[in-house]
Amino acid sequence: MTTGIGDGVAIPHCKTAEATRFVIALGIHPGGIDFDSLDKKPAHLIFLLVGPDNEPGMHIRLLSRISRIISKAPVRDRILACSKAEEVYQLINEEENNAFEVKTP
């Protein structure tokens, strides 16, 4: 099964007993990389998720959060337009806060 989900995004992921915590990395390739994506287009944003194999629930939640944030074309475009890692980090943090903001009555 491919981890190229389409729209220029791939999310390769694994669980291993060697991992003691979750780590997420983002690779950006302006020209794109063939990930055998569902839409047959190259991946420009590659999110790598590695975590402990004894926390499958958290693994799924993190995959879901990444997918939800990156599902919006404007967000993907803004990430690709960033010139510094700090800009990407700030943008993703803002999007995560907006997407998963706790609403109080």
N, C-alpha and C. Protein backbone atom coordinates (compact mmCIF):
# COMPACT_ATOMS: atom_id res chain seq x y z
N MET A 1 0.84 -1.18 0.00
CA MET A 1 0.00 0.00 0.00
C MET A 1 0.89 1.24 0.00
N THR A 2 0.52 2.20 -0.80
CA THR A 2 1.32 3.43 -0.92
C THR A 2 1.09 4.38 0.24
N THR A 3 2.11 5.15 0.54
CA THR A 3 1.96 6.22 1.53
C THR A 3 1.86 7.57 0.84
N GLY A 4 1.82 7.56 -0.49
CA GLY A 4 1.58 8.77 -1.27
C GLY A 4 0.09 8.99 -1.33
N ILE A 5 -0.42 9.93 -0.53
CA ILE A 5 -1.87 10.09 -0.40
C ILE A 5 -2.47 10.98 -1.47
N GLY A 6 -1.63 11.61 -2.28
CA GLY A 6 -2.12 12.48 -3.35
C GLY A 6 -1.99 13.94 -2.99
N ASP A 7 -2.33 14.78 -3.96
CA ASP A 7 -2.24 16.23 -3.80
C ASP A 7 -0.83 16.68 -3.43
N GLY A 8 0.19 15.93 -3.90
CA GLY A 8 1.57 16.32 -3.64
C GLY A 8 2.08 15.97 -2.25
N VAL A 9 1.39 15.05 -1.56
CA VAL A 9 1.74 14.71 -0.18
C VAL A 9 1.98 13.21 -0.03
N ALA A 10 2.99 12.87 0.75
CA ALA A 10 3.23 11.48 1.15
C ALA A 10 3.46 11.48 2.66
N ILE A 11 2.99 10.42 3.31
CA ILE A 11 3.17 10.29 4.76
C ILE A 11 3.70 8.89 5.07
N PRO A 12 4.97 8.63 4.76
CA PRO A 12 5.52 7.34 5.17
C PRO A 12 5.58 7.28 6.69
N HIS A 13 5.29 6.11 7.24
CA HIS A 13 5.24 5.99 8.70
C HIS A 13 5.58 4.58 9.12
N CYS A 14 6.10 4.46 10.34
CA CYS A 14 6.39 3.14 10.87
C CYS A 14 6.34 3.17 12.39
N LYS A 15 6.14 1.97 12.94
CA LYS A 15 6.20 1.76 14.39
C LYS A 15 7.33 0.77 14.64
N THR A 16 8.10 1.01 15.68
CA THR A 16 9.22 0.12 15.98
C THR A 16 9.47 0.08 17.49
N ALA A 17 9.93 -1.06 17.95
CA ALA A 17 10.27 -1.20 19.37
C ALA A 17 11.48 -0.34 19.73
N GLU A 18 12.26 0.05 18.74
CA GLU A 18 13.45 0.87 18.98
C GLU A 18 13.11 2.32 19.32
N ALA A 19 11.93 2.78 18.94
CA ALA A 19 11.53 4.17 19.21
C ALA A 19 10.98 4.28 20.63
N THR A 20 11.40 5.33 21.32
CA THR A 20 10.89 5.56 22.67
C THR A 20 9.88 6.70 22.71
N ARG A 21 9.79 7.44 21.59
CA ARG A 21 8.83 8.54 21.48
C ARG A 21 8.52 8.74 20.01
N PHE A 22 7.53 9.55 19.73
CA PHE A 22 7.16 9.85 18.35
C PHE A 22 8.03 10.98 17.81
N VAL A 23 8.39 10.84 16.55
CA VAL A 23 9.16 11.87 15.85
C VAL A 23 8.49 12.09 14.50
N ILE A 24 8.31 13.36 14.15
CA ILE A 24 7.76 13.72 12.85
C ILE A 24 8.77 14.62 12.16
N ALA A 25 9.06 14.30 10.92
CA ALA A 25 9.96 15.14 10.11
C ALA A 25 9.23 15.48 8.82
N LEU A 26 9.57 16.63 8.26
CA LEU A 26 8.98 17.06 7.00
C LEU A 26 10.09 17.33 6.00
N GLY A 27 9.99 16.68 4.86
CA GLY A 27 10.89 16.95 3.75
C GLY A 27 10.11 17.66 2.66
N ILE A 28 10.73 18.67 2.08
CA ILE A 28 10.08 19.44 1.01
C ILE A 28 10.94 19.32 -0.24
N HIS A 29 10.32 18.86 -1.32
CA HIS A 29 11.03 18.69 -2.59
C HIS A 29 10.24 19.44 -3.66
N PRO A 30 10.69 20.65 -4.04
CA PRO A 30 9.93 21.45 -5.01
C PRO A 30 9.65 20.73 -6.33
N GLY A 31 10.58 19.89 -6.78
CA GLY A 31 10.37 19.17 -8.04
C GLY A 31 9.49 17.95 -7.90
N GLY A 32 9.33 17.46 -6.68
CA GLY A 32 8.49 16.30 -6.43
C GLY A 32 9.25 14.99 -6.54
N ILE A 33 8.79 13.99 -5.82
CA ILE A 33 9.37 12.65 -5.80
C ILE A 33 8.26 11.65 -6.09
N ASP A 34 8.55 10.65 -6.89
CA ASP A 34 7.56 9.62 -7.19
C ASP A 34 7.34 8.76 -5.94
N PHE A 35 6.14 8.80 -5.41
CA PHE A 35 5.77 7.99 -4.24
C PHE A 35 4.66 7.01 -4.60
N ASP A 36 4.47 6.75 -5.89
CA ASP A 36 3.37 5.89 -6.34
C ASP A 36 2.06 6.37 -5.70
N SER A 37 1.88 7.69 -5.73
CA SER A 37 0.72 8.31 -5.09
C SER A 37 -0.58 7.87 -5.72
N LEU A 38 -1.63 7.95 -4.95
CA LEU A 38 -2.95 7.54 -5.41
C LEU A 38 -3.38 8.31 -6.65
N ASP A 39 -2.96 9.58 -6.75
CA ASP A 39 -3.33 10.38 -7.93
C ASP A 39 -2.24 10.37 -9.01
N LYS A 40 -1.22 9.52 -8.81
CA LYS A 40 -0.12 9.35 -9.78
C LYS A 40 0.74 10.59 -9.95
N LYS A 41 0.62 11.57 -9.07
CA LYS A 41 1.42 12.79 -9.15
C LYS A 41 2.56 12.72 -8.12
N PRO A 42 3.66 13.43 -8.38
CA PRO A 42 4.78 13.39 -7.43
C PRO A 42 4.45 14.06 -6.10
N ALA A 43 5.13 13.60 -5.06
CA ALA A 43 4.96 14.19 -3.72
C ALA A 43 5.99 15.30 -3.54
N HIS A 44 5.51 16.44 -3.10
CA HIS A 44 6.38 17.59 -2.81
C HIS A 44 6.59 17.74 -1.30
N LEU A 45 5.61 17.30 -0.53
CA LEU A 45 5.67 17.37 0.93
C LEU A 45 5.67 15.95 1.46
N ILE A 46 6.74 15.57 2.14
CA ILE A 46 6.87 14.22 2.66
C ILE A 46 6.98 14.30 4.18
N PHE A 47 5.92 13.90 4.85
CA PHE A 47 5.90 13.86 6.31
C PHE A 47 6.29 12.45 6.74
N LEU A 48 7.32 12.33 7.55
CA LEU A 48 7.76 11.03 8.06
C LEU A 48 7.37 10.94 9.53
N LEU A 49 6.67 9.88 9.88
CA LEU A 49 6.25 9.64 11.27
C LEU A 49 6.85 8.32 11.73
N VAL A 50 7.60 8.38 12.83
CA VAL A 50 8.18 7.19 13.44
C VAL A 50 7.81 7.20 14.91
N GLY A 51 7.37 6.04 15.41
CA GLY A 51 6.98 5.99 16.81
C GLY A 51 7.08 4.60 17.39
N PRO A 52 6.90 4.50 18.71
CA PRO A 52 6.97 3.21 19.38
C PRO A 52 5.82 2.30 18.95
N ASP A 53 6.13 1.00 18.85
CA ASP A 53 5.11 0.07 18.39
C ASP A 53 4.07 -0.27 19.45
N ASN A 54 4.28 0.18 20.68
CA ASN A 54 3.31 -0.11 21.74
C ASN A 54 2.29 1.02 21.94
N GLU A 55 2.24 1.98 21.00
CA GLU A 55 1.28 3.08 21.09
C GLU A 55 0.53 3.25 19.77
N PRO A 56 -0.20 2.23 19.34
CA PRO A 56 -0.88 2.32 18.04
C PRO A 56 -1.95 3.40 17.98
N GLY A 57 -2.62 3.67 19.09
CA GLY A 57 -3.65 4.71 19.11
C GLY A 57 -3.07 6.09 18.82
N MET A 58 -1.96 6.41 19.45
CA MET A 58 -1.31 7.70 19.22
C MET A 58 -0.79 7.79 17.79
N HIS A 59 -0.29 6.68 17.27
CA HIS A 59 0.20 6.64 15.89
C HIS A 59 -0.92 7.04 14.93
N ILE A 60 -2.08 6.47 15.12
CA ILE A 60 -3.24 6.77 14.26
C ILE A 60 -3.68 8.22 14.45
N ARG A 61 -3.70 8.70 15.69
CA ARG A 61 -4.09 10.10 15.94
C ARG A 61 -3.14 11.08 15.27
N LEU A 62 -1.85 10.81 15.32
CA LEU A 62 -0.88 11.70 14.67
C LEU A 62 -1.03 11.67 13.15
N LEU A 63 -1.24 10.49 12.58
CA LEU A 63 -1.49 10.41 11.13
C LEU A 63 -2.73 11.23 10.76
N SER A 64 -3.75 11.12 11.58
CA SER A 64 -4.99 11.86 11.34
C SER A 64 -4.76 13.37 11.41
N ARG A 65 -4.01 13.81 12.40
CA ARG A 65 -3.73 15.25 12.55
C ARG A 65 -2.94 15.79 11.37
N ILE A 66 -1.92 15.05 10.96
CA ILE A 66 -1.13 15.47 9.80
C ILE A 66 -2.04 15.57 8.58
N SER A 67 -2.84 14.54 8.36
CA SER A 67 -3.74 14.51 7.19
C SER A 67 -4.72 15.67 7.21
N ARG A 68 -5.27 15.96 8.37
CA ARG A 68 -6.26 17.03 8.46
C ARG A 68 -5.63 18.39 8.17
N ILE A 69 -4.47 18.65 8.72
CA ILE A 69 -3.80 19.93 8.51
C ILE A 69 -3.41 20.10 7.05
N ILE A 70 -2.89 19.07 6.44
CA ILE A 70 -2.33 19.17 5.10
C ILE A 70 -3.39 18.97 4.01
N SER A 71 -4.62 18.71 4.40
CA SER A 71 -5.68 18.46 3.42
C SER A 71 -6.10 19.72 2.66
N LYS A 72 -5.74 20.89 3.18
CA LYS A 72 -6.14 22.15 2.55
C LYS A 72 -5.07 22.63 1.57
N ALA A 73 -5.47 22.83 0.32
CA ALA A 73 -4.52 23.28 -0.72
C ALA A 73 -3.80 24.57 -0.34
N PRO A 74 -4.49 25.57 0.24
CA PRO A 74 -3.76 26.79 0.61
C PRO A 74 -2.64 26.55 1.63
N VAL A 75 -2.84 25.61 2.53
CA VAL A 75 -1.80 25.29 3.51
C VAL A 75 -0.61 24.66 2.80
N ARG A 76 -0.88 23.71 1.92
CA ARG A 76 0.21 23.08 1.16
C ARG A 76 0.98 24.12 0.36
N ASP A 77 0.26 25.02 -0.29
CA ASP A 77 0.90 26.06 -1.09
C ASP A 77 1.76 26.98 -0.23
N ARG A 78 1.25 27.33 0.94
CA ARG A 78 2.01 28.21 1.84
C ARG A 78 3.28 27.52 2.34
N ILE A 79 3.19 26.23 2.62
CA ILE A 79 4.39 25.50 3.05
C ILE A 79 5.43 25.51 1.93
N LEU A 80 4.99 25.23 0.72
CA LEU A 80 5.92 25.21 -0.42
C LEU A 80 6.54 26.57 -0.68
N ALA A 81 5.85 27.63 -0.31
CA ALA A 81 6.36 28.99 -0.53
C ALA A 81 7.35 29.44 0.55
N CYS A 82 7.42 28.71 1.66
CA CYS A 82 8.33 29.08 2.74
C CYS A 82 9.78 28.92 2.30
N SER A 83 10.62 29.82 2.79
CA SER A 83 12.04 29.74 2.45
C SER A 83 12.91 29.30 3.63
N LYS A 84 12.31 29.23 4.82
CA LYS A 84 13.07 28.84 6.01
C LYS A 84 12.28 27.81 6.81
N ALA A 85 13.02 26.91 7.46
CA ALA A 85 12.39 25.89 8.29
C ALA A 85 11.53 26.50 9.39
N GLU A 86 11.99 27.61 9.96
CA GLU A 86 11.24 28.27 11.03
C GLU A 86 9.87 28.73 10.54
N GLU A 87 9.80 29.19 9.30
CA GLU A 87 8.52 29.62 8.73
C GLU A 87 7.56 28.44 8.61
N VAL A 88 8.08 27.30 8.16
CA VAL A 88 7.25 26.10 8.02
C VAL A 88 6.75 25.66 9.39
N TYR A 89 7.64 25.64 10.36
CA TYR A 89 7.28 25.23 11.72
C TYR A 89 6.18 26.12 12.28
N GLN A 90 6.33 27.43 12.12
CA GLN A 90 5.34 28.38 12.62
C GLN A 90 4.00 28.18 11.91
N LEU A 91 4.03 28.02 10.60
CA LEU A 91 2.80 27.83 9.83
C LEU A 91 2.06 26.58 10.28
N ILE A 92 2.78 25.48 10.43
CA ILE A 92 2.14 24.22 10.85
C ILE A 92 1.59 24.36 12.27
N ASN A 93 2.32 25.01 13.15
CA ASN A 93 1.81 25.24 14.52
C ASN A 93 0.52 26.05 14.50
N GLU A 94 0.48 27.10 13.69
CA GLU A 94 -0.73 27.92 13.58
C GLU A 94 -1.90 27.09 13.06
N GLU A 95 -1.65 26.31 12.02
CA GLU A 95 -2.71 25.48 11.45
C GLU A 95 -3.19 24.43 12.45
N GLU A 96 -2.27 23.85 13.19
CA GLU A 96 -2.65 22.86 14.19
C GLU A 96 -3.50 23.51 15.28
N ASN A 97 -3.09 24.68 15.74
CA ASN A 97 -3.87 25.38 16.76
C ASN A 97 -5.27 25.73 16.25
N ASN A 98 -5.37 26.14 15.00
CA ASN A 98 -6.68 26.47 14.42
C ASN A 98 -7.54 25.22 14.23
N ALA A 99 -6.93 24.15 13.76
CA ALA A 99 -7.69 22.93 13.47
C ALA A 99 -8.14 22.20 14.73
N PHE A 100 -7.35 22.29 15.79
CA PHE A 100 -7.63 21.50 16.98
C PHE A 100 -7.85 22.37 18.21
N GLU A 101 -8.27 23.61 17.97
CA GLU A 101 -8.53 24.53 19.07
C GLU A 101 -9.66 24.00 19.95
N VAL A 102 -9.45 24.08 21.25
CA VAL A 102 -10.47 23.66 22.20
C VAL A 102 -11.45 24.81 22.36
N LYS A 103 -12.69 24.54 22.06
CA LYS A 103 -13.74 25.56 22.18
C LYS A 103 -14.36 25.48 23.57
N THR A 104 -14.45 26.63 24.22
CA THR A 104 -15.09 26.67 25.53
C THR A 104 -16.43 27.37 25.39
N PRO A 105 -17.42 26.92 26.15
CA PRO A 105 -18.76 27.52 26.02
C PRO A 105 -18.81 28.94 26.55
